[in-house]
Amino acid sequence: MNLERMLKEGAEELGIKLSTKNINNFIIYLEELKIWSKKINLTGLKKDEDIITNHFLDSLSILKYLKEDSTLLDIGTGAGFPGVPISIVCPGCFVTVLDSAQKKILFIRNIIRRLSLRNVKAITGRAEVEQNNLKRKSFDYVVTRAVSDFYNVMKLSSPYLNEDGRMIVMRGEKGELELEAMSKEIENLELSVDKIDVFNLPFNESKRVSIILKK
């Protein structure tokens, strides 16, 4: 299966219809990711198919939770996941991606330029440190993907949610067990569970758990 078809069919399995432009943008993203990964640590995945499944399609799996014209903060974005793929497919969403590694943010800014993305901003910094260019209590959604332990994820994300905001915690196969262990901490942070979504990635048996928390 060629890469374009893999992107198209994988997205369709997630309920997403990609345009030709979307697919072309992901192919450019893929090539740039491989080039930059020779110099800096962006991903340990080597095969194109693995990058498409475990990075691009995994990122797009949260699209169904988002409303159009919403704001999203991606904490600990790494090479831009899931924030940049969301910005590619959802032009009505405004995405802010945050990472403490300046080299990774430079890579993302390169992608933003290459793809002419106008709905995503990349910031170097840490979520626990207040910054003038990153307002707290201002985001509709805050997402983390494979970042830190569950409690720290909630503690870092919660201050950035607006009054009706949702926290999207993307975890692996142990996500449900992690959630069960956090019932007291969730209550202490004045959060509640809105949704638990357990699924397998397209072309892959990897189990994913997305947990949506609300204020």
C-alpha atoms as a PDB file:
ATOM      1  CA  MET A   1       0.000   0.000   0.000  1.00  0.00           C
ATOM      2  CA  ASN A   2       1.457   3.394  -0.940  1.00  0.00           C
ATOM      3  CA  LEU A   3       1.724   6.116   1.686  1.00  0.00           C
ATOM      4  CA  GLU A   4      -0.975   8.358   0.226  1.00  0.00           C
ATOM      5  CA  ARG A   5      -3.474   5.512   0.250  1.00  0.00           C
ATOM      6  CA  MET A   6      -2.443   4.531   3.778  1.00  0.00           C
ATOM      7  CA  LEU A   7      -3.102   8.055   5.024  1.00  0.00           C
ATOM      8  CA  LYS A   8      -6.447   8.226   3.236  1.00  0.00           C
ATOM      9  CA  GLU A   9      -7.745   4.831   4.373  1.00  0.00           C
ATOM     10  CA  GLY A  10      -6.354   5.142   7.899  1.00  0.00           C
ATOM     11  CA  ALA A  11      -8.048   8.509   8.345  1.00  0.00           C
ATOM     12  CA  GLU A  12     -11.304   7.129   6.963  1.00  0.00           C
ATOM     13  CA  GLU A  13     -11.166   4.377   9.579  1.00  0.00           C
ATOM     14  CA  LEU A  14     -11.058   7.162  12.162  1.00  0.00           C
ATOM     15  CA  GLY A  15     -14.040   8.877  10.488  1.00  0.00           C
ATOM     16  CA  ILE A  16     -11.950  11.598   8.821  1.00  0.00           C
ATOM     17  CA  LYS A  17     -11.919  12.499   5.129  1.00  0.00           C
ATOM     18  CA  LEU A  18      -8.556  13.890   4.043  1.00  0.00           C
ATOM     19  CA  SER A  19      -8.286  16.195   1.046  1.00  0.00           C
ATOM     20  CA  THR A  20      -5.535  15.827  -1.539  1.00  0.00           C
ATOM     21  CA  LYS A  21      -3.890  18.896  -0.001  1.00  0.00           C
ATOM     22  CA  ASN A  22      -4.038  17.327   3.477  1.00  0.00           C
ATOM     23  CA  ILE A  23      -2.367  14.176   2.191  1.00  0.00           C
ATOM     24  CA  ASN A  24       0.338  16.138   0.361  1.00  0.00           C
ATOM     25  CA  ASN A  25       1.021  18.123   3.524  1.00  0.00           C
ATOM     26  CA  PHE A  26       1.455  14.940   5.551  1.00  0.00           C
ATOM     27  CA  ILE A  27       3.908  13.566   2.976  1.00  0.00           C
ATOM     28  CA  ILE A  28       5.980  16.770   3.238  1.00  0.00           C
ATOM     29  CA  TYR A  29       5.774  16.554   7.053  1.00  0.00           C
ATOM     30  CA  LEU A  30       6.989  12.947   6.882  1.00  0.00           C
ATOM     31  CA  GLU A  31       9.973  13.790   4.669  1.00  0.00           C
ATOM     32  CA  GLU A  32      11.001  16.760   6.817  1.00  0.00           C
ATOM     33  CA  LEU A  33      10.667  14.646   9.966  1.00  0.00           C
ATOM     34  CA  LYS A  34      13.046  12.035   8.563  1.00  0.00           C
ATOM     35  CA  ILE A  35      15.578  14.665   7.408  1.00  0.00           C
ATOM     36  CA  TRP A  36      15.625  16.526  10.723  1.00  0.00           C
ATOM     37  CA  SER A  37      15.691  13.278  12.743  1.00  0.00           C
ATOM     38  CA  LYS A  38      19.175  12.600  11.358  1.00  0.00           C
ATOM     39  CA  LYS A  39      20.394  15.639  13.314  1.00  0.00           C
ATOM     40  CA  ILE A  40      18.111  15.878  16.350  1.00  0.00           C
ATOM     41  CA  ASN A  41      16.047  13.366  18.303  1.00  0.00           C
ATOM     42  CA  LEU A  42      12.502  13.785  16.985  1.00  0.00           C
ATOM     43  CA  THR A  43      11.290  10.201  16.681  1.00  0.00           C
ATOM     44  CA  GLY A  44      12.701   6.743  17.167  1.00  0.00           C
ATOM     45  CA  LEU A  45      10.511   5.364  14.394  1.00  0.00           C
ATOM     46  CA  LYS A  46      12.306   4.657  11.126  1.00  0.00           C
ATOM     47  CA  LYS A  47       9.668   3.197   8.814  1.00  0.00           C
ATOM     48  CA  ASP A  48       7.307   5.536   6.951  1.00  0.00           C
ATOM     49  CA  GLU A  49       4.354   3.283   7.738  1.00  0.00           C
ATOM     50  CA  ASP A  50       5.105   3.368  11.477  1.00  0.00           C
ATOM     51  CA  ILE A  51       5.344   7.167  11.470  1.00  0.00           C
ATOM     52  CA  ILE A  52       2.024   7.463   9.642  1.00  0.00           C
ATOM     53  CA  THR A  53       0.267   5.089  12.039  1.00  0.00           C
ATOM     54  CA  ASN A  54       1.843   5.941  15.373  1.00  0.00           C
ATOM     55  CA  HIS A  55       2.266   9.689  14.880  1.00  0.00           C
ATOM     56  CA  PHE A  56      -0.064  11.065  12.197  1.00  0.00           C
ATOM     57  CA  LEU A  57      -3.113   8.807  12.606  1.00  0.00           C
ATOM     58  CA  ASP A  58      -2.719   8.612  16.375  1.00  0.00           C
ATOM     59  CA  SER A  59      -2.751  12.432  16.461  1.00  0.00           C
ATOM     60  CA  LEU A  60      -5.867  12.604  14.284  1.00  0.00           C
ATOM     61  CA  SER A  61      -7.721  10.206  16.599  1.00  0.00           C
ATOM     62  CA  ILE A  62      -8.614  13.131  18.905  1.00  0.00           C
ATOM     63  CA  LEU A  63     -10.198  15.208  16.141  1.00  0.00           C
ATOM     64  CA  LYS A  64     -13.667  13.822  16.912  1.00  0.00           C
ATOM     65  CA  TYR A  65     -13.594  15.396  20.374  1.00  0.00           C
ATOM     66  CA  LEU A  66     -12.893  18.906  19.077  1.00  0.00           C
ATOM     67  CA  LYS A  67     -15.383  21.553  18.048  1.00  0.00           C
ATOM     68  CA  GLU A  68     -14.742  23.814  15.070  1.00  0.00           C
ATOM     69  CA  ASP A  69     -13.359  27.277  15.844  1.00  0.00           C
ATOM     70  CA  SER A  70     -11.878  26.074  19.131  1.00  0.00           C
ATOM     71  CA  THR A  71      -8.508  26.667  20.771  1.00  0.00           C
ATOM     72  CA  LEU A  72      -6.168  23.797  21.587  1.00  0.00           C
ATOM     73  CA  LEU A  73      -2.979  23.727  23.654  1.00  0.00           C
ATOM     74  CA  ASP A  74      -0.638  20.783  23.056  1.00  0.00           C
ATOM     75  CA  ILE A  75       1.728  20.407  26.027  1.00  0.00           C
ATOM     76  CA  GLY A  76       4.986  18.527  25.434  1.00  0.00           C
ATOM     77  CA  THR A  77       4.363  18.362  21.699  1.00  0.00           C
ATOM     78  CA  GLY A  78       7.756  16.923  20.721  1.00  0.00           C
ATOM     79  CA  ALA A  79       7.826  16.891  16.912  1.00  0.00           C
ATOM     80  CA  GLY A  80       4.356  18.449  16.790  1.00  0.00           C
ATOM     81  CA  PHE A  81       2.088  15.600  17.839  1.00  0.00           C
ATOM     82  CA  PRO A  82      -0.850  15.806  18.033  1.00  0.00           C
ATOM     83  CA  GLY A  83      -1.128  19.578  17.522  1.00  0.00           C
ATOM     84  CA  VAL A  84       0.305  20.015  14.025  1.00  0.00           C
ATOM     85  CA  PRO A  85      -1.677  17.164  12.394  1.00  0.00           C
ATOM     86  CA  ILE A  86      -4.828  18.646  13.961  1.00  0.00           C
ATOM     87  CA  SER A  87      -3.987  22.077  12.512  1.00  0.00           C
ATOM     88  CA  ILE A  88      -3.504  20.513   9.060  1.00  0.00           C
ATOM     89  CA  VAL A  89      -6.925  18.855   9.026  1.00  0.00           C
ATOM     90  CA  CYS A  90      -8.923  21.377  11.083  1.00  0.00           C
ATOM     91  CA  PRO A  91      -8.296  24.892   9.685  1.00  0.00           C
ATOM     92  CA  GLY A  92     -10.977  26.267  12.011  1.00  0.00           C
ATOM     93  CA  CYS A  93      -9.045  25.189  15.097  1.00  0.00           C
ATOM     94  CA  PHE A  94      -6.305  27.439  16.459  1.00  0.00           C
ATOM     95  CA  VAL A  95      -3.507  25.330  17.925  1.00  0.00           C
ATOM     96  CA  THR A  96      -0.666  26.293  20.256  1.00  0.00           C
ATOM     97  CA  VAL A  97       2.110  23.722  20.630  1.00  0.00           C
ATOM     98  CA  LEU A  98       4.479  23.894  23.590  1.00  0.00           C
ATOM     99  CA  ASP A  99       7.770  22.108  24.240  1.00  0.00           C
ATOM    100  CA  SER A 100      10.809  22.851  26.375  1.00  0.00           C
ATOM    101  CA  ALA A 101      13.233  21.679  23.661  1.00  0.00           C
ATOM    102  CA  GLN A 102      14.051  24.635  21.411  1.00  0.00           C
ATOM    103  CA  LYS A 103      15.330  22.410  18.586  1.00  0.00           C
ATOM    104  CA  LYS A 104      11.972  20.647  18.393  1.00  0.00           C
ATOM    105  CA  ILE A 105      10.145  23.971  18.263  1.00  0.00           C
ATOM    106  CA  LEU A 106      12.493  25.094  15.466  1.00  0.00           C
ATOM    107  CA  PHE A 107      11.540  21.950  13.559  1.00  0.00           C
ATOM    108  CA  ILE A 108       7.837  22.690  14.038  1.00  0.00           C
ATOM    109  CA  ARG A 109       8.268  26.287  12.893  1.00  0.00           C
ATOM    110  CA  ASN A 110       9.941  24.915   9.772  1.00  0.00           C
ATOM    111  CA  ILE A 111       6.896  22.699   9.169  1.00  0.00           C
ATOM    112  CA  ILE A 112       4.566  25.657   9.733  1.00  0.00           C
ATOM    113  CA  ARG A 113       6.450  27.604   7.050  1.00  0.00           C
ATOM    114  CA  ARG A 114       6.690  24.699   4.610  1.00  0.00           C
ATOM    115  CA  LEU A 115       2.965  23.973   4.850  1.00  0.00           C
ATOM    116  CA  SER A 116       1.885  27.641   5.141  1.00  0.00           C
ATOM    117  CA  LEU A 117      -0.129  26.875   8.265  1.00  0.00           C
ATOM    118  CA  ARG A 118      -1.786  29.965   9.712  1.00  0.00           C
ATOM    119  CA  ASN A 119      -3.648  28.349  12.585  1.00  0.00           C
ATOM    120  CA  VAL A 120      -0.776  27.048  14.699  1.00  0.00           C
ATOM    121  CA  LYS A 121       1.769  28.748  16.937  1.00  0.00           C
ATOM    122  CA  ALA A 122       4.893  27.070  18.378  1.00  0.00           C
ATOM    123  CA  ILE A 123       6.281  28.166  21.747  1.00  0.00           C
ATOM    124  CA  THR A 124       9.437  27.108  23.574  1.00  0.00           C
ATOM    125  CA  GLY A 125       8.758  26.740  27.277  1.00  0.00           C
ATOM    126  CA  ARG A 126       7.457  24.653  30.148  1.00  0.00           C
ATOM    127  CA  ALA A 127       3.812  24.439  31.138  1.00  0.00           C
ATOM    128  CA  GLU A 128       4.567  24.941  34.824  1.00  0.00           C
ATOM    129  CA  VAL A 129       6.244  28.306  34.171  1.00  0.00           C
ATOM    130  CA  GLU A 130       3.975  31.297  33.487  1.00  0.00           C
ATOM    131  CA  GLN A 131       4.737  33.073  30.224  1.00  0.00           C
ATOM    132  CA  ASN A 132       3.385  36.240  28.670  1.00  0.00           C
ATOM    133  CA  ASN A 133       2.699  34.506  25.353  1.00  0.00           C
ATOM    134  CA  LEU A 134       0.772  31.637  26.952  1.00  0.00           C
ATOM    135  CA  LYS A 135      -2.338  32.684  28.846  1.00  0.00           C
ATOM    136  CA  ARG A 136      -3.829  30.469  31.497  1.00  0.00           C
ATOM    137  CA  LYS A 137      -7.578  29.745  31.667  1.00  0.00           C
ATOM    138  CA  SER A 138      -7.844  30.531  27.941  1.00  0.00           C
ATOM    139  CA  PHE A 139      -8.042  27.207  26.058  1.00  0.00           C
ATOM    140  CA  ASP A 140     -11.053  25.140  25.039  1.00  0.00           C
ATOM    141  CA  TYR A 141      -8.907  22.003  25.008  1.00  0.00           C
ATOM    142  CA  VAL A 142      -5.556  20.997  26.460  1.00  0.00           C
ATOM    143  CA  VAL A 143      -4.008  17.796  25.137  1.00  0.00           C
ATOM    144  CA  THR A 144      -1.032  15.705  26.216  1.00  0.00           C
ATOM    145  CA  ARG A 145       0.315  12.665  24.425  1.00  0.00           C
ATOM    146  CA  ALA A 146       2.605  10.247  26.283  1.00  0.00           C
ATOM    147  CA  VAL A 147       3.781  13.057  28.559  1.00  0.00           C
ATOM    148  CA  SER A 148       4.885  12.372  32.142  1.00  0.00           C
ATOM    149  CA  ASP A 149       2.727  10.484  34.644  1.00  0.00           C
ATOM    150  CA  PHE A 150      -1.028  10.890  34.804  1.00  0.00           C
ATOM    151  CA  TYR A 151      -1.112  13.120  37.874  1.00  0.00           C
ATOM    152  CA  ASN A 152       1.457  15.577  36.521  1.00  0.00           C
ATOM    153  CA  VAL A 153      -0.385  15.680  33.203  1.00  0.00           C
ATOM    154  CA  MET A 154      -3.558  16.784  34.988  1.00  0.00           C
ATOM    155  CA  LYS A 155      -1.703  19.237  37.215  1.00  0.00           C
ATOM    156  CA  LEU A 156       0.075  20.856  34.250  1.00  0.00           C
ATOM    157  CA  SER A 157      -2.981  20.969  31.983  1.00  0.00           C
ATOM    158  CA  SER A 158      -5.703  22.127  34.367  1.00  0.00           C
ATOM    159  CA  PRO A 159      -4.576  25.782  34.775  1.00  0.00           C
ATOM    160  CA  TYR A 160      -4.858  26.397  31.017  1.00  0.00           C
ATOM    161  CA  LEU A 161      -8.476  25.271  30.637  1.00  0.00           C
ATOM    162  CA  ASN A 162     -11.187  27.882  30.326  1.00  0.00           C
ATOM    163  CA  GLU A 163     -14.428  27.586  32.274  1.00  0.00           C
ATOM    164  CA  ASP A 164     -15.963  25.035  29.896  1.00  0.00           C
ATOM    165  CA  GLY A 165     -12.680  23.476  28.799  1.00  0.00           C
ATOM    166  CA  ARG A 166     -11.806  19.840  28.274  1.00  0.00           C
ATOM    167  CA  MET A 167      -8.546  18.041  28.976  1.00  0.00           C
ATOM    168  CA  ILE A 168      -7.630  15.273  26.531  1.00  0.00           C
ATOM    169  CA  VAL A 169      -5.170  12.778  27.987  1.00  0.00           C
ATOM    170  CA  MET A 170      -3.787  10.401  25.345  1.00  0.00           C
ATOM    171  CA  ARG A 171      -2.414   7.225  26.901  1.00  0.00           C
ATOM    172  CA  GLY A 172      -1.361   3.716  25.952  1.00  0.00           C
ATOM    173  CA  GLU A 173      -2.910   0.402  26.917  1.00  0.00           C
ATOM    174  CA  LYS A 174      -2.582   1.064  30.674  1.00  0.00           C
ATOM    175  CA  GLY A 175      -4.586   4.277  30.477  1.00  0.00           C
ATOM    176  CA  GLU A 176      -7.684   2.880  32.181  1.00  0.00           C
ATOM    177  CA  LEU A 177      -5.639   1.526  35.084  1.00  0.00           C
ATOM    178  CA  GLU A 178      -3.870   4.867  35.445  1.00  0.00           C
ATOM    179  CA  LEU A 179      -7.239   6.602  35.543  1.00  0.00           C
ATOM    180  CA  GLU A 180      -8.607   4.268  38.227  1.00  0.00           C
ATOM    181  CA  ALA A 181      -5.625   5.068  40.455  1.00  0.00           C
ATOM    182  CA  MET A 182      -6.260   8.818  40.128  1.00  0.00           C
ATOM    183  CA  SER A 183      -9.846   9.129  41.422  1.00  0.00           C
ATOM    184  CA  LYS A 184      -8.877  11.112  44.530  1.00  0.00           C
ATOM    185  CA  GLU A 185      -6.445  13.355  42.640  1.00  0.00           C
ATOM    186  CA  ILE A 186      -9.077  14.098  39.973  1.00  0.00           C
ATOM    187  CA  GLU A 187     -11.474  15.198  42.694  1.00  0.00           C
ATOM    188  CA  ASN A 188      -8.809  17.341  44.390  1.00  0.00           C
ATOM    189  CA  LEU A 189      -8.129  19.133  41.099  1.00  0.00           C
ATOM    190  CA  GLU A 190     -11.882  19.764  40.749  1.00  0.00           C
ATOM    191  CA  LEU A 191     -12.085  17.709  37.577  1.00  0.00           C
ATOM    192  CA  SER A 192     -14.454  14.967  36.462  1.00  0.00           C
ATOM    193  CA  VAL A 193     -14.349  12.273  33.784  1.00  0.00           C
ATOM    194  CA  ASP A 194     -16.312  13.248  30.696  1.00  0.00           C
ATOM    195  CA  LYS A 195     -15.428  10.323  28.415  1.00  0.00           C
ATOM    196  CA  ILE A 196     -13.174   7.284  28.119  1.00  0.00           C
ATOM    197  CA  ASP A 197     -12.417   6.107  24.591  1.00  0.00           C
ATOM    198  CA  VAL A 198     -10.589   2.801  24.052  1.00  0.00           C
ATOM    199  CA  PHE A 199      -9.592   1.880  20.507  1.00  0.00           C
ATOM    200  CA  ASN A 200      -6.960   0.352  18.235  1.00  0.00           C
ATOM    201  CA  LEU A 201      -4.992   2.361  15.720  1.00  0.00           C
ATOM    202  CA  PRO A 202      -5.566   1.635  12.012  1.00  0.00           C
ATOM    203  CA  PHE A 203      -3.155  -0.957  10.535  1.00  0.00           C
ATOM    204  CA  ASN A 204      -2.005  -1.709  14.055  1.00  0.00           C
ATOM    205  CA  GLU A 205      -3.026  -3.703  17.123  1.00  0.00           C
ATOM    206  CA  SER A 206      -1.716  -1.029  19.479  1.00  0.00           C
ATOM    207  CA  LYS A 207      -4.333  -0.165  22.072  1.00  0.00           C
ATOM    208  CA  ARG A 208      -4.938   3.516  22.743  1.00  0.00           C
ATOM    209  CA  VAL A 209      -6.953   5.129  25.531  1.00  0.00           C
ATOM    210  CA  SER A 210      -8.138   8.731  25.282  1.00  0.00           C
ATOM    211  CA  ILE A 211      -9.488  10.186  28.508  1.00  0.00           C
ATOM    212  CA  ILE A 212     -11.444  13.423  28.441  1.00  0.00           C
ATOM    213  CA  LEU A 213     -11.718  15.348  31.704  1.00  0.00           C
ATOM    214  CA  LYS A 214     -13.757  18.476  32.352  1.00  0.00           C
ATOM    215  CA  LYS A 215     -13.843  21.170  35.006  1.00  0.00           C
END
